[in-house]
Amino acid sequence: MSNNPVSESEVNAFIRDWFHNLDKHADLDQILPMLADKALRMNMPEGQYANHNGFKQWYRGVEIP
């Protein structure tokens, strides 16, 4: 992990890409690289999830059939 400063435009691009991927229900292989694994903790209406495996469980539950 780099300690280099992140620019505002890089943050904006990340946020845009993140929500775009969620909106189109992108494949997990596009989304997981955007997330930390060990440090990931999510509190969602459906429950609490941790790491990539937890995200996969949550994401599959909210995918549009």
C-alpha atoms as a PDB file:
ATOM      1  CA  MET A   1       0.000   0.000   0.000  1.00  0.00           C
ATOM      2  CA  SER A   2       1.286   3.420  -0.928  1.00  0.00           C
ATOM      3  CA  ASN A   3       1.433   6.423   1.375  1.00  0.00           C
ATOM      4  CA  ASN A   4       1.420   8.857  -1.545  1.00  0.00           C
ATOM      5  CA  PRO A   5      -1.127  11.663  -1.321  1.00  0.00           C
ATOM      6  CA  VAL A   6      -4.333  11.146  -3.274  1.00  0.00           C
ATOM      7  CA  SER A   7      -5.668  14.051  -5.292  1.00  0.00           C
ATOM      8  CA  GLU A   8      -9.241  15.248  -5.181  1.00  0.00           C
ATOM      9  CA  SER A   9      -9.704  14.236  -8.815  1.00  0.00           C
ATOM     10  CA  GLU A  10      -8.501  10.700  -8.013  1.00  0.00           C
ATOM     11  CA  VAL A  11     -10.986  10.471  -5.143  1.00  0.00           C
ATOM     12  CA  ASN A  12     -13.786  11.762  -7.384  1.00  0.00           C
ATOM     13  CA  ALA A  13     -12.889   9.231 -10.093  1.00  0.00           C
ATOM     14  CA  PHE A  14     -12.859   6.392  -7.568  1.00  0.00           C
ATOM     15  CA  ILE A  15     -16.274   7.375  -6.191  1.00  0.00           C
ATOM     16  CA  ARG A  16     -17.720   7.714  -9.698  1.00  0.00           C
ATOM     17  CA  ASP A  17     -16.331   4.316 -10.728  1.00  0.00           C
ATOM     18  CA  TRP A  18     -17.478   2.652  -7.486  1.00  0.00           C
ATOM     19  CA  PHE A  19     -21.091   3.761  -7.786  1.00  0.00           C
ATOM     20  CA  HIS A  20     -21.143   3.133 -11.538  1.00  0.00           C
ATOM     21  CA  ASN A  21     -20.038  -0.460 -10.913  1.00  0.00           C
ATOM     22  CA  LEU A  22     -22.666  -0.936  -8.209  1.00  0.00           C
ATOM     23  CA  ASP A  23     -25.414   0.612 -10.348  1.00  0.00           C
ATOM     24  CA  LYS A  24     -24.696  -1.695 -13.280  1.00  0.00           C
ATOM     25  CA  HIS A  25     -24.137  -4.702 -10.969  1.00  0.00           C
ATOM     26  CA  ALA A  26     -20.646  -5.245 -12.341  1.00  0.00           C
ATOM     27  CA  ASP A  27     -18.915  -8.587 -11.934  1.00  0.00           C
ATOM     28  CA  LEU A  28     -17.146  -9.151  -8.640  1.00  0.00           C
ATOM     29  CA  ASP A  29     -13.778  -9.264 -10.408  1.00  0.00           C
ATOM     30  CA  GLN A  30     -14.268  -5.567 -11.248  1.00  0.00           C
ATOM     31  CA  ILE A  31     -15.394  -4.548  -7.764  1.00  0.00           C
ATOM     32  CA  LEU A  32     -13.241  -6.556  -5.338  1.00  0.00           C
ATOM     33  CA  PRO A  33      -9.955  -4.869  -6.328  1.00  0.00           C
ATOM     34  CA  MET A  34     -11.517  -1.593  -5.198  1.00  0.00           C
ATOM     35  CA  LEU A  35     -11.969  -2.909  -1.631  1.00  0.00           C
ATOM     36  CA  ALA A  36      -9.648  -3.675   1.226  1.00  0.00           C
ATOM     37  CA  ASP A  37      -9.919  -7.311   2.268  1.00  0.00           C
ATOM     38  CA  LYS A  38      -8.795  -7.831   5.864  1.00  0.00           C
ATOM     39  CA  ALA A  39      -9.890  -4.384   7.055  1.00  0.00           C
ATOM     40  CA  LEU A  40     -13.281  -4.413   5.313  1.00  0.00           C
ATOM     41  CA  ARG A  41     -16.246  -4.168   7.707  1.00  0.00           C
ATOM     42  CA  MET A  42     -19.714  -3.376   6.387  1.00  0.00           C
ATOM     43  CA  ASN A  43     -22.882  -2.720   8.352  1.00  0.00           C
ATOM     44  CA  MET A  44     -25.723  -3.091   5.886  1.00  0.00           C
ATOM     45  CA  PRO A  45     -29.487  -3.343   6.432  1.00  0.00           C
ATOM     46  CA  GLU A  46     -29.162  -7.061   5.611  1.00  0.00           C
ATOM     47  CA  GLY A  47     -26.515  -7.641   8.305  1.00  0.00           C
ATOM     48  CA  GLN A  48     -22.833  -7.225   9.108  1.00  0.00           C
ATOM     49  CA  TYR A  49     -20.194  -8.418   6.669  1.00  0.00           C
ATOM     50  CA  ALA A  50     -16.405  -8.615   6.779  1.00  0.00           C
ATOM     51  CA  ASN A  51     -13.649  -9.019   4.155  1.00  0.00           C
ATOM     52  CA  HIS A  52     -14.069  -9.975   0.503  1.00  0.00           C
ATOM     53  CA  ASN A  53     -16.045 -13.108   1.309  1.00  0.00           C
ATOM     54  CA  GLY A  54     -18.579 -11.070   3.268  1.00  0.00           C
ATOM     55  CA  PHE A  55     -18.866  -8.557   0.445  1.00  0.00           C
ATOM     56  CA  LYS A  56     -19.453 -11.386  -2.037  1.00  0.00           C
ATOM     57  CA  GLN A  57     -22.229 -12.762   0.170  1.00  0.00           C
ATOM     58  CA  TRP A  58     -23.894  -9.348   0.456  1.00  0.00           C
ATOM     59  CA  TYR A  59     -23.457  -8.492  -3.237  1.00  0.00           C
ATOM     60  CA  ARG A  60     -24.943 -11.754  -4.448  1.00  0.00           C
ATOM     61  CA  GLY A  61     -27.943 -11.127  -2.201  1.00  0.00           C
ATOM     62  CA  VAL A  62     -28.667  -7.731  -3.764  1.00  0.00           C
ATOM     63  CA  GLU A  63     -27.980  -8.627  -7.399  1.00  0.00           C
ATOM     64  CA  ILE A  64     -30.849  -8.210  -9.805  1.00  0.00           C
ATOM     65  CA  PRO A  65     -31.876 -11.618 -11.199  1.00  0.00           C
END
